Amino acid sequence: MHPVIKVGGKLQLKAGTTNVGPTPRYQWRLNQAAIPGATNAIWEIGTLRSTESGTYEVYRSNLFGVTTSVVAEVAARLADLQVMTNLSEGRFGLLYPEATPEALSLEATENLKDWQRLRTFTRTNATWLWDEEAGSRFDRFFRVVPSSMGTK
């Protein structure tokens, strides 16, 4: 299973059941790290964050041993961003249509490799206006990423 879920959406994963032996104990893991408190047959996240993307597996154990199952590869995505054009020279707008549970950053680059954070926006659904340098630069690329990702 490879679900793509919007950041802020709900995620529910279920461990397979077994009819062999005593009731198992469960431990959910994300990217091979145990998730604290995730010890039931069902793991649920009410408000998904971008940092919760990855491989989810569940360890089941009882008197007969331990089994591991990869349950899902989850990708969290941001809502679609709308770009507003036809604004004054050197200016553009970004419309993020829904609230997000985490801060977002506007970044720019000239080579698609070295990104520079320009501004961080927090938990808002609003229009963000950005003024470019005087004379309008046409050699820059922009992106909006979760602030937790950091620039790369």
C-alpha atoms as a PDB file:
ATOM      1  CA  MET A   1       0.000   0.000   0.000  1.00  0.00           C
ATOM      2  CA  HIS A   2       1.388   3.414  -1.029  1.00  0.00           C
ATOM      3  CA  PRO A   3      -1.095   6.088   0.031  1.00  0.00           C
ATOM      4  CA  VAL A   4      -0.497   9.772  -0.638  1.00  0.00           C
ATOM      5  CA  ILE A   5      -2.213  11.801   2.070  1.00  0.00           C
ATOM      6  CA  LYS A   6      -2.532  15.558   2.373  1.00  0.00           C
ATOM      7  CA  VAL A   7      -0.611  17.155   5.220  1.00  0.00           C
ATOM      8  CA  GLY A   8      -3.229  17.663   7.928  1.00  0.00           C
ATOM      9  CA  GLY A   9      -5.196  14.593   6.804  1.00  0.00           C
ATOM     10  CA  LYS A  10      -5.923  11.424   8.771  1.00  0.00           C
ATOM     11  CA  LEU A  11      -3.897   8.208   8.527  1.00  0.00           C
ATOM     12  CA  GLN A  12      -5.096   4.856   9.856  1.00  0.00           C
ATOM     13  CA  LEU A  13      -3.083   1.645   9.540  1.00  0.00           C
ATOM     14  CA  LYS A  14      -4.141  -1.841  10.664  1.00  0.00           C
ATOM     15  CA  ALA A  15      -1.993  -4.827  11.516  1.00  0.00           C
ATOM     16  CA  GLY A  16      -3.097  -8.130  10.030  1.00  0.00           C
ATOM     17  CA  THR A  17      -4.794 -10.502  12.429  1.00  0.00           C
ATOM     18  CA  THR A  18      -3.681 -13.976  13.374  1.00  0.00           C
ATOM     19  CA  ASN A  19      -5.606 -16.869  14.892  1.00  0.00           C
ATOM     20  CA  VAL A  20      -2.505 -18.643  16.208  1.00  0.00           C
ATOM     21  CA  GLY A  21      -1.530 -18.548  19.865  1.00  0.00           C
ATOM     22  CA  PRO A  22      -2.123 -15.956  22.517  1.00  0.00           C
ATOM     23  CA  THR A  23      -2.966 -12.323  21.805  1.00  0.00           C
ATOM     24  CA  PRO A  24       0.089 -10.633  20.326  1.00  0.00           C
ATOM     25  CA  ARG A  25       1.813  -7.442  21.443  1.00  0.00           C
ATOM     26  CA  TYR A  26       2.303  -4.765  18.813  1.00  0.00           C
ATOM     27  CA  GLN A  27       4.959  -2.119  18.152  1.00  0.00           C
ATOM     28  CA  TRP A  28       4.606   0.217  15.197  1.00  0.00           C
ATOM     29  CA  ARG A  29       7.724   1.631  13.563  1.00  0.00           C
ATOM     30  CA  LEU A  30       8.326   4.504  11.137  1.00  0.00           C
ATOM     31  CA  ASN A  31      11.472   4.257   9.021  1.00  0.00           C
ATOM     32  CA  GLN A  32      12.772   1.521  11.366  1.00  0.00           C
ATOM     33  CA  ALA A  33      12.363   3.628  14.532  1.00  0.00           C
ATOM     34  CA  ALA A  34       9.823   2.632  17.186  1.00  0.00           C
ATOM     35  CA  ILE A  35       6.905   5.059  17.500  1.00  0.00           C
ATOM     36  CA  PRO A  36       6.404   5.815  21.207  1.00  0.00           C
ATOM     37  CA  GLY A  37       2.984   4.674  22.432  1.00  0.00           C
ATOM     38  CA  ALA A  38       2.089   2.907  19.171  1.00  0.00           C
ATOM     39  CA  THR A  39       1.355  -0.510  20.672  1.00  0.00           C
ATOM     40  CA  ASN A  40      -2.119  -1.433  19.404  1.00  0.00           C
ATOM     41  CA  ALA A  41      -3.296  -3.377  16.357  1.00  0.00           C
ATOM     42  CA  ILE A  42      -4.416  -0.081  14.804  1.00  0.00           C
ATOM     43  CA  TRP A  43      -2.158   2.985  14.461  1.00  0.00           C
ATOM     44  CA  GLU A  44      -3.903   6.266  13.769  1.00  0.00           C
ATOM     45  CA  ILE A  45      -2.619   9.776  13.157  1.00  0.00           C
ATOM     46  CA  GLY A  46      -5.366  12.398  13.322  1.00  0.00           C
ATOM     47  CA  THR A  47      -3.345  15.229  11.732  1.00  0.00           C
ATOM     48  CA  LEU A  48      -0.562  14.006   9.438  1.00  0.00           C
ATOM     49  CA  ARG A  49       2.661  16.070   9.240  1.00  0.00           C
ATOM     50  CA  SER A  50       5.215  15.929   6.432  1.00  0.00           C
ATOM     51  CA  THR A  51       7.758  14.378   8.835  1.00  0.00           C
ATOM     52  CA  GLU A  52       5.456  11.356   9.160  1.00  0.00           C
ATOM     53  CA  SER A  53       6.074  10.221   5.576  1.00  0.00           C
ATOM     54  CA  GLY A  54       7.938   6.959   5.162  1.00  0.00           C
ATOM     55  CA  THR A  55       7.771   3.205   5.699  1.00  0.00           C
ATOM     56  CA  TYR A  56       5.418   1.960   8.401  1.00  0.00           C
ATOM     57  CA  GLU A  57       5.909  -1.542   9.764  1.00  0.00           C
ATOM     58  CA  VAL A  58       4.438  -3.400  12.688  1.00  0.00           C
ATOM     59  CA  TYR A  59       6.196  -5.914  14.950  1.00  0.00           C
ATOM     60  CA  ARG A  60       3.918  -8.579  16.433  1.00  0.00           C
ATOM     61  CA  SER A  61       5.160 -10.784  19.234  1.00  0.00           C
ATOM     62  CA  ASN A  62       3.741 -13.535  21.424  1.00  0.00           C
ATOM     63  CA  LEU A  63       5.004 -16.755  23.022  1.00  0.00           C
ATOM     64  CA  PHE A  64       5.672 -18.257  19.583  1.00  0.00           C
ATOM     65  CA  GLY A  65       7.980 -15.490  18.304  1.00  0.00           C
ATOM     66  CA  VAL A  66       8.095 -12.184  16.485  1.00  0.00           C
ATOM     67  CA  THR A  67       6.904 -11.239  13.005  1.00  0.00           C
ATOM     68  CA  THR A  68       7.474  -8.017  11.110  1.00  0.00           C
ATOM     69  CA  SER A  69       5.218  -6.705   8.375  1.00  0.00           C
ATOM     70  CA  VAL A  70       5.613  -3.651   6.188  1.00  0.00           C
ATOM     71  CA  VAL A  71       2.129  -2.188   6.244  1.00  0.00           C
ATOM     72  CA  ALA A  72       2.479   0.930   4.079  1.00  0.00           C
ATOM     73  CA  GLU A  73       4.750   3.417   2.345  1.00  0.00           C
ATOM     74  CA  VAL A  74       3.110   6.759   3.138  1.00  0.00           C
ATOM     75  CA  ALA A  75       3.753  10.042   1.338  1.00  0.00           C
ATOM     76  CA  ALA A  76       2.416  13.259   2.868  1.00  0.00           C
ATOM     77  CA  ARG A  77       1.808  16.047   0.388  1.00  0.00           C
ATOM     78  CA  LEU A  78       0.923  19.695   0.728  1.00  0.00           C
ATOM     79  CA  ALA A  79      -2.293  21.053  -0.713  1.00  0.00           C
ATOM     80  CA  ASP A  80      -2.043  22.540  -4.183  1.00  0.00           C
ATOM     81  CA  LEU A  81      -0.505  25.987  -4.206  1.00  0.00           C
ATOM     82  CA  GLN A  82      -1.927  28.600  -6.557  1.00  0.00           C
ATOM     83  CA  VAL A  83       0.348  31.230  -8.109  1.00  0.00           C
ATOM     84  CA  MET A  84      -1.077  34.694  -8.673  1.00  0.00           C
ATOM     85  CA  THR A  85       0.416  36.554 -11.619  1.00  0.00           C
ATOM     86  CA  ASN A  86      -0.337  39.913 -13.255  1.00  0.00           C
ATOM     87  CA  LEU A  87       0.629  41.725 -10.073  1.00  0.00           C
ATOM     88  CA  SER A  88       2.890  44.772 -10.065  1.00  0.00           C
ATOM     89  CA  GLU A  89       6.345  44.349 -11.601  1.00  0.00           C
ATOM     90  CA  GLY A  90       8.683  42.152  -9.576  1.00  0.00           C
ATOM     91  CA  ARG A  91       5.890  40.786  -7.404  1.00  0.00           C
ATOM     92  CA  PHE A  92       3.989  37.539  -7.319  1.00  0.00           C
ATOM     93  CA  GLY A  93       1.493  36.012  -4.971  1.00  0.00           C
ATOM     94  CA  LEU A  94       1.007  32.514  -3.610  1.00  0.00           C
ATOM     95  CA  LEU A  95      -2.375  31.343  -2.423  1.00  0.00           C
ATOM     96  CA  TYR A  96      -2.336  28.402  -0.048  1.00  0.00           C
ATOM     97  CA  PRO A  97      -6.005  27.376   0.028  1.00  0.00           C
ATOM     98  CA  GLU A  98      -6.172  25.557   3.348  1.00  0.00           C
ATOM     99  CA  ALA A  99      -4.708  25.655   6.823  1.00  0.00           C
ATOM    100  CA  THR A 100      -1.658  23.475   7.419  1.00  0.00           C
ATOM    101  CA  PRO A 101      -0.587  21.926  10.732  1.00  0.00           C
ATOM    102  CA  GLU A 102       3.007  23.006  10.220  1.00  0.00           C
ATOM    103  CA  ALA A 103       5.004  26.011   9.097  1.00  0.00           C
ATOM    104  CA  LEU A 104       5.836  26.386   5.402  1.00  0.00           C
ATOM    105  CA  SER A 105       8.858  28.104   3.887  1.00  0.00           C
ATOM    106  CA  LEU A 106       9.262  29.957   0.618  1.00  0.00           C
ATOM    107  CA  GLU A 107      12.680  29.169  -0.879  1.00  0.00           C
ATOM    108  CA  ALA A 108      14.530  30.366  -3.981  1.00  0.00           C
ATOM    109  CA  THR A 109      17.463  29.170  -6.069  1.00  0.00           C
ATOM    110  CA  GLU A 110      19.251  30.082  -9.268  1.00  0.00           C
ATOM    111  CA  ASN A 111      20.637  26.612  -9.989  1.00  0.00           C
ATOM    112  CA  LEU A 112      17.989  24.171  -8.607  1.00  0.00           C
ATOM    113  CA  LYS A 113      20.614  22.920  -6.162  1.00  0.00           C
ATOM    114  CA  ASP A 114      21.382  25.586  -3.548  1.00  0.00           C
ATOM    115  CA  TRP A 115      18.105  26.704  -1.963  1.00  0.00           C
ATOM    116  CA  GLN A 116      17.804  29.807   0.207  1.00  0.00           C
ATOM    117  CA  ARG A 117      14.956  30.279   2.684  1.00  0.00           C
ATOM    118  CA  LEU A 118      13.245  33.613   2.021  1.00  0.00           C
ATOM    119  CA  ARG A 119      10.340  33.549   4.449  1.00  0.00           C
ATOM    120  CA  THR A 120       8.444  31.186   6.752  1.00  0.00           C
ATOM    121  CA  PHE A 121       4.658  31.168   7.023  1.00  0.00           C
ATOM    122  CA  THR A 122       2.847  29.529   9.924  1.00  0.00           C
ATOM    123  CA  ARG A 123      -0.507  27.751  10.134  1.00  0.00           C
ATOM    124  CA  THR A 124      -2.418  29.882   7.730  1.00  0.00           C
ATOM    125  CA  ASN A 125      -4.635  29.728   4.729  1.00  0.00           C
ATOM    126  CA  ALA A 126      -3.998  33.035   3.089  1.00  0.00           C
ATOM    127  CA  THR A 127      -2.417  34.868   0.214  1.00  0.00           C
ATOM    128  CA  TRP A 128       1.307  35.475   0.568  1.00  0.00           C
ATOM    129  CA  LEU A 129       2.809  38.269  -1.517  1.00  0.00           C
ATOM    130  CA  TRP A 130       6.474  38.265  -2.343  1.00  0.00           C
ATOM    131  CA  ASP A 131       8.458  41.191  -3.756  1.00  0.00           C
ATOM    132  CA  GLU A 132      11.439  40.310  -5.900  1.00  0.00           C
ATOM    133  CA  GLU A 133      14.389  42.647  -6.244  1.00  0.00           C
ATOM    134  CA  ALA A 134      13.979  45.787  -8.319  1.00  0.00           C
ATOM    135  CA  GLY A 135      14.324  45.127 -12.035  1.00  0.00           C
ATOM    136  CA  SER A 136      12.641  41.691 -11.796  1.00  0.00           C
ATOM    137  CA  ARG A 137      14.931  38.693 -11.924  1.00  0.00           C
ATOM    138  CA  PHE A 138      13.924  35.995 -14.335  1.00  0.00           C
ATOM    139  CA  ASP A 139      16.675  33.568 -13.371  1.00  0.00           C
ATOM    140  CA  ARG A 140      15.276  32.340 -10.042  1.00  0.00           C
ATOM    141  CA  PHE A 141      13.134  29.354  -9.198  1.00  0.00           C
ATOM    142  CA  PHE A 142      10.854  29.194  -6.169  1.00  0.00           C
ATOM    143  CA  ARG A 143       9.342  26.415  -4.082  1.00  0.00           C
ATOM    144  CA  VAL A 144       7.261  26.070  -0.931  1.00  0.00           C
ATOM    145  CA  VAL A 145       8.311  23.284   1.458  1.00  0.00           C
ATOM    146  CA  PRO A 146       7.532  22.305   5.036  1.00  0.00           C
ATOM    147  CA  SER A 147       9.907  24.271   7.283  1.00  0.00           C
ATOM    148  CA  SER A 148      10.920  21.022   8.979  1.00  0.00           C
ATOM    149  CA  MET A 149      12.611  19.894   5.739  1.00  0.00           C
ATOM    150  CA  GLY A 150      15.184  22.673   5.821  1.00  0.00           C
ATOM    151  CA  THR A 151      17.033  23.987   2.807  1.00  0.00           C
ATOM    152  CA  LYS A 152      19.157  21.614   0.736  1.00  0.00           C
END
